[in-house]
Amino acid sequence: MEVHLPSTIRRMNKEIVLNTIKDMGPIARTEIAKQTGITKATVSDIVKTLIEEKLIYDEKDDADLSKRGTRLHFAKHAAFGIAVDLGGTTLHFGLFNLAGECTAKHTVATYQHQTSQEFLEHMTADIKEFIKQSGQPETRLAFISIATPGIVDPSSGMVLEGSPNLPEWKNIDLGRYFHNVFHVPVTVENDVRAALIGEMYAGALQDLNSAVLIGIGTGLGSAILIDGKVIRGARNAAGEIGYMLFQQHQLYAPSGKGHFEIICSGSGLEAAAHGMFHKNLTAQEVFEMALQGDIQARHLVSRFEEHLAMGILNIISLLNPEKILLMGGVTESLSLQSLTAKVGLHTSNVTNVAIEISTLQHQSALQGIAILGLKQAYPSLQYMKDKQLY
């Protein structure tokens, strides 16, 4: 029996049926009708279309598509996408299926190129090699999604203001560049904001409506979730906390990197250590020296923690989040107990907030940017439908 419905109603019903199979499958047609309230005839008609589109499949290859009792599965491996997290020291690649699951990973050191063109060409070659090594045919590639430092316009895929840790990273049309190479939808988002979405989807922020993620790695940034909505600001620059000021003299000494980032980032701590010890030390080594009792290293770490605590307190006063989540390489060396104690000196029952360190770390940005890529490539698929990601 063929069912004729107005196009809008049919599209809505199709989305409901598809997402019911994705979230509850394997599931029988009769159960879909029971769960959704859509008539059995309409469900069967929609199922035929979804099977033809290869978004679902019947568990019996030779089954009569109108036969009751057979169960339907979401075809999560029908296509795949590539997610990339660009960092100041490493690039992380992930291959994701349509269920948002990462099935393969690859990591390389950040390319040491002088121009953005060379960087993008190298990145393109690595993506193609990653796909080849995965064994997936490139014809099944459905999207490319990229998490990058800097201020990003996600509607155009343009990096507006770049990162000092990447070459010529300003006014770069990443979306157009990779679309012209791979001919699939391309999603571009700020890396910390992508990590926030990853934590909302699969990490420590899954059940929260208001939270702030602070990324402390080579650089410093944050991403904001308020009342279930990811906040981007008027020009997509919300969360650029690296430019916060703490002292009067900073007002008259503009910094391209940001005064807060100069103190509370891996690169900032390493630069301060070089000026003090006259040799190259990693941020982790500075923290280790402080633990071993080196007075100068303890001074640097104390200054780092004090400024981070002040930054967190300013964020709490402004946004009143339920949780502050910290991520990035430097957080592996932080004393969470010491930081929490400093913040706790100035909070009350109203402003008290949980402070935690991410267990997903770099995986959160990959997960988040993959979800955004899936939402762009497959608008009918629902991921975190109770949250407003744009």
Protein backbone atom coordinates (compact mmCIF):
# COMPACT_ATOMS: atom_id res chain seq x y z
CA MET A 1 0.00 0.00 0.00
CA GLU A 2 1.47 3.35 -1.02
CA VAL A 3 0.75 6.23 1.33
CA HIS A 4 0.49 9.80 0.03
CA LEU A 5 1.21 12.59 2.53
CA PRO A 6 1.97 16.31 2.18
CA SER A 7 5.72 16.72 1.69
CA THR A 8 6.34 18.53 5.01
CA ILE A 9 4.50 15.91 7.07
CA ARG A 10 6.19 13.09 5.18
CA ARG A 11 9.62 14.64 5.77
CA MET A 12 8.91 14.99 9.48
CA ASN A 13 7.65 11.41 9.72
CA LYS A 14 10.67 10.18 7.80
CA GLU A 15 13.02 11.88 10.25
CA ILE A 16 11.13 10.41 13.20
CA VAL A 17 11.27 6.89 11.76
CA LEU A 18 14.94 7.18 10.81
CA ASN A 19 16.01 8.43 14.23
CA THR A 20 13.87 5.87 16.00
CA ILE A 21 15.72 3.13 14.11
CA LYS A 22 19.08 4.84 14.80
CA ASP A 23 18.43 5.17 18.52
CA MET A 24 16.39 2.03 19.23
CA GLY A 25 17.33 -0.44 16.51
CA PRO A 26 17.24 -3.25 15.75
CA ILE A 27 13.51 -2.69 15.86
CA ALA A 28 10.43 -4.08 14.09
CA ARG A 29 8.10 -1.97 11.99
CA THR A 30 5.20 -2.60 14.36
CA GLU A 31 7.29 -1.37 17.30
CA ILE A 32 8.25 1.79 15.38
CA ALA A 33 4.55 2.51 14.82
CA LYS A 34 3.87 1.91 18.51
CA GLN A 35 6.73 4.15 19.68
CA THR A 36 6.06 7.03 17.28
CA GLY A 37 2.30 6.99 16.83
CA ILE A 38 2.74 6.89 13.05
CA THR A 39 0.45 4.46 11.22
CA LYS A 40 1.86 1.06 10.28
CA ALA A 41 1.19 1.70 6.60
CA THR A 42 3.12 4.98 6.70
CA VAL A 43 6.00 3.37 8.59
CA SER A 44 6.27 0.58 6.01
CA ASP A 45 6.23 3.10 3.16
CA ILE A 46 8.96 5.23 4.78
CA VAL A 47 11.05 2.14 5.57
CA LYS A 48 11.10 1.21 1.88
CA THR A 49 12.46 4.65 1.02
CA LEU A 50 15.11 4.55 3.76
CA ILE A 51 16.29 1.12 2.62
CA GLU A 52 16.57 2.40 -0.95
CA GLU A 53 18.62 5.34 0.36
CA LYS A 54 20.85 2.83 2.21
CA LEU A 55 20.36 4.58 5.55
CA ILE A 56 18.82 1.46 7.11
CA TYR A 57 18.76 -2.24 6.29
CA ASP A 58 16.61 -5.24 7.06
CA GLU A 59 18.35 -7.96 9.05
CA LYS A 60 17.22 -10.47 6.42
CA ASP A 61 18.73 -9.62 3.05
CA ASP A 62 16.08 -11.63 1.23
CA ALA A 63 13.21 -10.42 3.38
CA ASP A 64 10.02 -9.16 1.85
CA LEU A 65 10.20 -5.45 2.69
CA SER A 66 6.51 -5.44 3.56
CA LYS A 67 6.75 -8.52 5.77
CA ARG A 68 6.00 -8.02 9.44
CA GLY A 69 8.34 -9.25 12.12
CA THR A 70 11.69 -8.53 10.50
CA ARG A 71 13.85 -6.05 12.38
CA LEU A 72 15.48 -2.94 10.99
CA HIS A 73 18.99 -1.67 11.63
CA PHE A 74 20.56 1.74 11.17
CA ALA A 75 23.23 1.48 8.45
CA LYS A 76 25.91 3.25 10.46
CA HIS A 77 28.71 2.00 8.22
CA ALA A 78 27.07 3.09 4.95
CA ALA A 79 29.34 6.14 4.84
CA PHE A 80 32.05 7.80 6.91
CA GLY A 81 33.55 11.18 7.64
CA ILE A 82 36.98 12.47 8.59
CA ALA A 83 37.41 14.72 11.62
CA VAL A 84 40.61 16.69 12.21
CA ASP A 85 41.73 18.50 15.35
CA LEU A 86 44.47 21.03 14.58
CA GLY A 87 46.72 21.70 17.56
CA GLY A 88 49.82 23.77 18.10
CA THR A 89 51.93 20.65 18.64
CA THR A 90 49.89 17.76 17.20
CA LEU A 91 47.21 17.01 14.60
CA HIS A 92 44.65 14.33 15.43
CA PHE A 93 42.66 12.56 12.72
CA GLY A 94 39.57 10.44 13.33
CA LEU A 95 37.35 8.35 11.06
CA PHE A 96 33.70 8.39 12.17
CA ASN A 97 30.69 6.37 11.07
CA LEU A 98 27.12 7.68 10.82
CA ALA A 99 26.44 6.80 14.46
CA GLY A 100 29.15 9.23 15.55
CA GLU A 101 31.53 6.44 16.54
CA CYS A 102 35.27 6.81 15.97
CA THR A 103 36.53 3.68 14.21
CA ALA A 104 40.12 4.74 13.43
CA LYS A 105 42.60 7.35 14.69
CA HIS A 106 45.89 8.83 13.57
CA THR A 107 48.18 11.46 15.12
CA VAL A 108 51.06 13.43 13.62
CA ALA A 109 53.24 16.29 14.83
CA THR A 110 52.05 19.72 13.69
CA TYR A 111 53.70 20.56 10.38
CA GLN A 112 56.54 23.06 10.50
CA HIS A 113 55.69 25.00 7.35
CA GLN A 114 56.15 28.70 6.70
CA THR A 115 52.96 29.19 4.67
CA SER A 116 49.34 28.15 5.12
CA GLN A 117 49.28 26.77 1.55
CA GLU A 118 52.07 24.30 2.33
CA PHE A 119 50.32 23.38 5.57
CA LEU A 120 47.01 22.66 3.81
CA GLU A 121 48.67 20.62 1.06
CA HIS A 122 50.45 18.49 3.67
CA MET A 123 47.19 18.06 5.58
CA THR A 124 45.36 17.02 2.41
CA ALA A 125 47.98 14.36 1.70
CA ASP A 126 47.69 13.03 5.26
CA ILE A 127 43.88 12.83 5.05
CA LYS A 128 44.08 10.88 1.78
CA GLU A 129 46.67 8.52 3.24
CA PHE A 130 44.58 8.07 6.40
CA ILE A 131 41.55 7.09 4.30
CA LYS A 132 43.69 4.70 2.26
CA GLN A 133 45.12 3.04 5.37
CA SER A 134 41.63 2.67 6.85
CA GLY A 135 40.58 0.48 3.93
CA GLN A 136 37.51 2.61 3.27
CA PRO A 137 36.76 3.58 -0.35
CA GLU A 138 36.96 7.35 -0.80
CA THR A 139 33.64 7.17 -2.69
CA ARG A 140 31.93 6.60 0.68
CA LEU A 141 33.40 9.75 2.21
CA ALA A 142 30.45 11.88 3.37
CA PHE A 143 32.07 14.86 5.09
CA ILE A 144 35.25 16.53 6.31
CA SER A 145 35.15 18.41 9.62
CA ILE A 146 37.98 20.49 11.06
CA ALA A 147 38.51 21.89 14.56
CA THR A 148 41.02 24.73 14.48
CA PRO A 149 42.39 27.33 16.89
CA GLY A 150 41.29 30.90 16.28
CA ILE A 151 38.06 32.75 15.56
CA VAL A 152 35.97 30.81 13.06
CA ASP A 153 32.82 31.62 11.10
CA PRO A 154 31.14 28.19 10.99
CA SER A 155 28.56 29.35 8.44
CA SER A 156 31.26 29.93 5.81
CA GLY A 157 34.10 27.71 7.02
CA MET A 158 36.40 30.72 7.23
CA VAL A 159 39.13 31.22 9.84
CA LEU A 160 38.79 34.95 10.58
CA GLU A 161 41.48 35.47 13.19
CA GLY A 162 44.13 32.83 13.42
CA SER A 163 46.42 31.24 15.92
CA PRO A 164 50.01 32.41 16.48
CA ASN A 165 50.90 28.72 16.66
CA LEU A 166 49.94 28.03 13.01
CA PRO A 167 51.40 29.66 9.85
CA GLU A 168 49.50 32.58 8.25
CA TRP A 169 46.35 31.37 10.01
CA LYS A 170 44.06 34.29 9.21
CA ASN A 171 41.33 34.81 6.59
CA ILE A 172 41.74 31.22 5.39
CA ASP A 173 38.75 29.65 3.68
CA LEU A 174 39.22 26.12 5.00
CA GLY A 175 35.69 25.14 4.02
CA ARG A 176 36.12 26.01 0.36
CA TYR A 177 39.66 24.62 0.15
CA PHE A 178 38.75 21.13 1.36
CA HIS A 179 35.41 21.09 -0.46
CA ASN A 180 37.28 21.71 -3.72
CA VAL A 181 39.63 18.82 -2.91
CA PHE A 182 37.17 16.19 -1.63
CA HIS A 183 33.82 17.43 -3.05
CA VAL A 184 31.90 16.75 0.18
CA PRO A 185 30.40 19.05 2.84
CA VAL A 186 33.08 20.61 5.05
CA THR A 187 32.47 21.85 8.60
CA VAL A 188 34.91 24.16 10.38
CA GLU A 189 34.69 25.19 14.04
CA ASN A 190 36.87 26.60 16.80
CA ASP A 191 38.74 23.74 18.48
CA VAL A 192 37.68 24.49 22.07
CA ARG A 193 34.06 24.93 21.01
CA ALA A 194 34.26 21.60 19.19
CA ALA A 195 35.65 20.04 22.38
CA LEU A 196 32.73 21.49 24.36
CA ILE A 197 30.29 19.79 21.98
CA GLY A 198 32.26 16.55 22.25
CA GLU A 199 31.99 16.68 26.03
CA MET A 200 28.26 17.42 25.73
CA TYR A 201 27.86 14.37 23.49
CA ALA A 202 30.08 11.79 25.17
CA GLY A 203 31.88 13.30 28.14
CA ALA A 204 31.56 15.16 31.42
CA LEU A 205 28.95 17.66 30.20
CA GLN A 206 26.32 15.23 28.90
CA ASP A 207 23.63 16.07 31.43
CA LEU A 208 24.32 19.78 31.93
CA ASN A 209 22.73 22.90 30.46
CA SER A 210 25.30 25.49 31.60
CA ALA A 211 29.05 24.90 31.64
CA VAL A 212 32.36 26.34 30.51
CA LEU A 213 35.21 24.36 28.98
CA ILE A 214 38.69 25.87 29.32
CA GLY A 215 41.35 24.54 26.98
CA ILE A 216 44.92 24.92 28.27
CA GLY A 217 47.43 23.61 25.79
CA THR A 218 49.85 25.43 23.54
CA GLY A 219 47.34 28.30 23.77
CA LEU A 220 44.39 29.23 25.98
CA GLY A 221 40.71 29.45 25.13
CA SER A 222 37.26 28.55 26.34
CA ALA A 223 33.82 27.57 25.09
CA ILE A 224 30.49 28.36 26.70
CA LEU A 225 27.22 26.47 27.13
CA ILE A 226 24.37 28.50 28.66
CA ASP A 227 20.81 27.22 29.09
CA GLY A 228 21.41 24.43 26.58
CA LYS A 229 22.81 26.73 23.89
CA VAL A 230 26.40 26.90 22.64
CA ILE A 231 27.37 30.58 22.76
CA ARG A 232 29.37 32.05 19.86
CA GLY A 233 28.86 35.78 20.26
CA ALA A 234 28.15 38.51 17.70
CA ARG A 235 31.28 37.72 15.67
CA ASN A 236 32.04 34.16 16.79
CA ALA A 237 34.64 35.33 19.32
CA ALA A 238 32.88 34.36 22.57
CA GLY A 239 35.22 32.48 24.89
CA GLU A 240 38.51 34.07 23.79
CA ILE A 241 39.61 34.37 27.42
CA GLY A 242 43.30 34.53 26.50
CA TYR A 243 42.81 38.28 26.07
CA MET A 244 41.46 38.89 29.58
CA LEU A 245 43.36 41.50 31.62
CA PHE A 246 44.26 41.27 35.30
CA GLN A 247 46.52 44.26 35.97
CA GLN A 248 46.27 47.96 35.20
CA HIS A 249 49.52 48.18 33.23
CA GLN A 250 48.24 45.53 30.80
CA LEU A 251 45.59 47.98 29.66
CA TYR A 252 48.29 50.10 28.01
CA ALA A 253 50.35 47.21 26.62
CA PRO A 254 48.27 45.41 23.95
CA SER A 255 49.43 41.89 23.21
CA GLY A 256 48.74 39.95 20.04
CA LYS A 257 48.80 36.72 22.01
CA GLY A 258 46.78 37.94 25.00
CA HIS A 259 48.03 38.66 28.52
CA PHE A 260 46.12 35.80 30.13
CA GLU A 261 47.42 33.34 27.53
CA ILE A 262 50.99 34.57 28.03
CA ILE A 263 50.76 33.36 31.64
CA CYS A 264 48.26 30.47 31.52
CA SER A 265 49.26 28.37 28.53
CA GLY A 266 51.89 25.78 27.78
CA SER A 267 53.77 28.08 25.42
CA GLY A 268 53.54 30.97 27.90
CA LEU A 269 54.89 28.89 30.77
CA GLU A 270 57.71 27.57 28.60
CA ALA A 271 58.66 31.10 27.51
CA ALA A 272 58.72 32.27 31.14
CA ALA A 273 60.85 29.27 32.11
CA HIS A 274 63.30 30.01 29.29
CA GLY A 275 63.67 33.57 30.54
CA MET A 276 64.28 32.35 34.08
CA PHE A 277 66.45 29.26 33.50
CA HIS A 278 67.99 30.23 30.12
CA LYS A 279 67.22 26.83 28.61
CA ASN A 280 64.33 25.11 26.87
CA LEU A 281 61.92 23.37 29.24
CA THR A 282 58.50 21.90 28.56
CA ALA A 283 55.54 22.95 30.68
CA GLN A 284 55.47 19.45 32.17
CA GLU A 285 59.13 19.75 33.18
CA VAL A 286 58.46 23.07 34.91
CA PHE A 287 55.65 21.49 36.94
CA GLU A 288 57.90 18.53 37.83
CA MET A 289 60.68 20.87 38.97
CA ALA A 290 58.18 22.71 41.17
CA LEU A 291 57.08 19.42 42.76
CA GLN A 292 60.73 18.61 43.46
CA GLY A 293 61.10 21.88 45.36
CA ASP A 294 62.78 24.22 42.87
CA ILE A 295 61.92 27.69 44.20
CA GLN A 296 61.92 29.46 40.83
CA ALA A 297 59.78 26.77 39.20
CA ARG A 298 57.38 26.91 42.15
CA HIS A 299 57.06 30.66 41.60
CA LEU A 300 56.12 30.12 37.94
CA VAL A 301 53.61 27.38 38.76
CA SER A 302 52.11 29.44 41.58
CA ARG A 303 51.67 32.42 39.27
CA PHE A 304 50.09 30.10 36.68
CA GLU A 305 47.59 28.64 39.18
CA GLU A 306 46.74 32.01 40.73
CA HIS A 307 45.93 33.60 37.39
CA LEU A 308 43.94 30.55 36.31
CA ALA A 309 41.95 30.74 39.56
CA MET A 310 41.27 34.45 38.97
CA GLY A 311 40.15 33.73 35.42
CA ILE A 312 37.81 30.98 36.60
CA LEU A 313 36.35 33.26 39.27
CA ASN A 314 35.67 35.96 36.68
CA ILE A 315 33.93 33.38 34.48
CA ILE A 316 31.84 32.13 37.41
CA SER A 317 30.79 35.69 38.32
CA LEU A 318 29.75 36.43 34.75
CA LEU A 319 28.11 33.16 33.68
CA ASN A 320 27.20 31.17 36.83
CA PRO A 321 27.85 27.76 35.20
CA GLU A 322 27.17 24.37 36.76
CA LYS A 323 30.65 23.11 35.93
CA ILE A 324 34.08 24.30 34.79
CA LEU A 325 35.82 21.60 32.76
CA LEU A 326 39.56 21.85 32.07
CA MET A 327 41.28 20.12 29.17
CA GLY A 328 44.60 20.22 27.32
CA GLY A 329 48.10 18.92 27.85
CA VAL A 330 48.91 21.28 30.72
CA THR A 331 45.97 20.02 32.79
CA GLU A 332 47.76 16.69 33.23
CA SER A 333 50.26 18.48 35.48
CA LEU A 334 47.86 20.80 37.34
CA SER A 335 47.02 20.34 41.01
CA LEU A 336 43.24 20.33 40.84
CA GLN A 337 43.03 20.34 44.63
CA SER A 338 45.14 23.48 44.92
CA LEU A 339 43.24 25.24 42.14
CA THR A 340 39.85 24.35 43.61
CA ALA A 341 40.91 25.60 47.03
CA LYS A 342 41.91 28.99 45.59
CA VAL A 343 38.62 29.33 43.73
CA GLY A 344 36.68 28.18 46.78
CA LEU A 345 37.91 31.16 48.79
CA HIS A 346 35.57 33.41 46.81
CA THR A 347 32.51 31.28 46.00
CA SER A 348 29.23 30.88 47.87
CA ASN A 349 26.35 28.42 47.79
CA VAL A 350 25.00 30.31 44.78
CA THR A 351 28.26 30.55 42.85
CA ASN A 352 29.81 27.26 43.92
CA VAL A 353 30.80 25.25 40.86
CA ALA A 354 32.34 21.86 40.17
CA ILE A 355 35.81 22.04 38.61
CA GLU A 356 37.00 18.91 36.81
CA ILE A 357 39.62 17.78 34.32
CA SER A 358 38.40 16.15 31.12
CA THR A 359 38.97 12.43 30.77
CA LEU A 360 38.42 12.61 26.99
CA GLN A 361 41.09 15.30 26.42
CA HIS A 362 41.88 15.68 22.67
CA GLN A 363 39.25 13.07 21.78
CA SER A 364 36.55 15.56 22.80
CA ALA A 365 37.41 17.97 19.96
CA LEU A 366 37.44 15.12 17.43
CA GLN A 367 34.10 13.85 18.73
CA GLY A 368 32.53 17.30 18.73
CA ILE A 369 33.66 18.33 15.27
CA ALA A 370 32.53 14.93 13.93
CA ILE A 371 29.03 15.50 15.34
CA LEU A 372 28.90 18.93 13.70
CA GLY A 373 30.06 17.38 10.43
CA LEU A 374 27.36 14.71 10.63
CA LYS A 375 24.68 17.31 11.34
CA GLN A 376 25.69 19.26 8.24
CA ALA A 377 25.99 16.24 5.95
CA TYR A 378 22.85 14.50 7.29
CA PRO A 379 20.40 17.14 8.60
CA SER A 380 17.71 14.50 9.16
CA LEU A 381 19.84 12.63 11.72
CA GLN A 382 19.46 13.88 15.28
CA TYR A 383 22.35 14.22 17.71
CA MET A 384 21.72 15.96 21.07
CA LYS A 385 18.33 17.19 19.88
CA ASP A 386 17.70 18.93 23.22
CA LYS A 387 20.75 21.19 22.74
CA GLN A 388 21.13 24.19 20.42
CA LEU A 389 24.52 23.80 18.74
CA TYR A 390 24.05 26.76 16.37
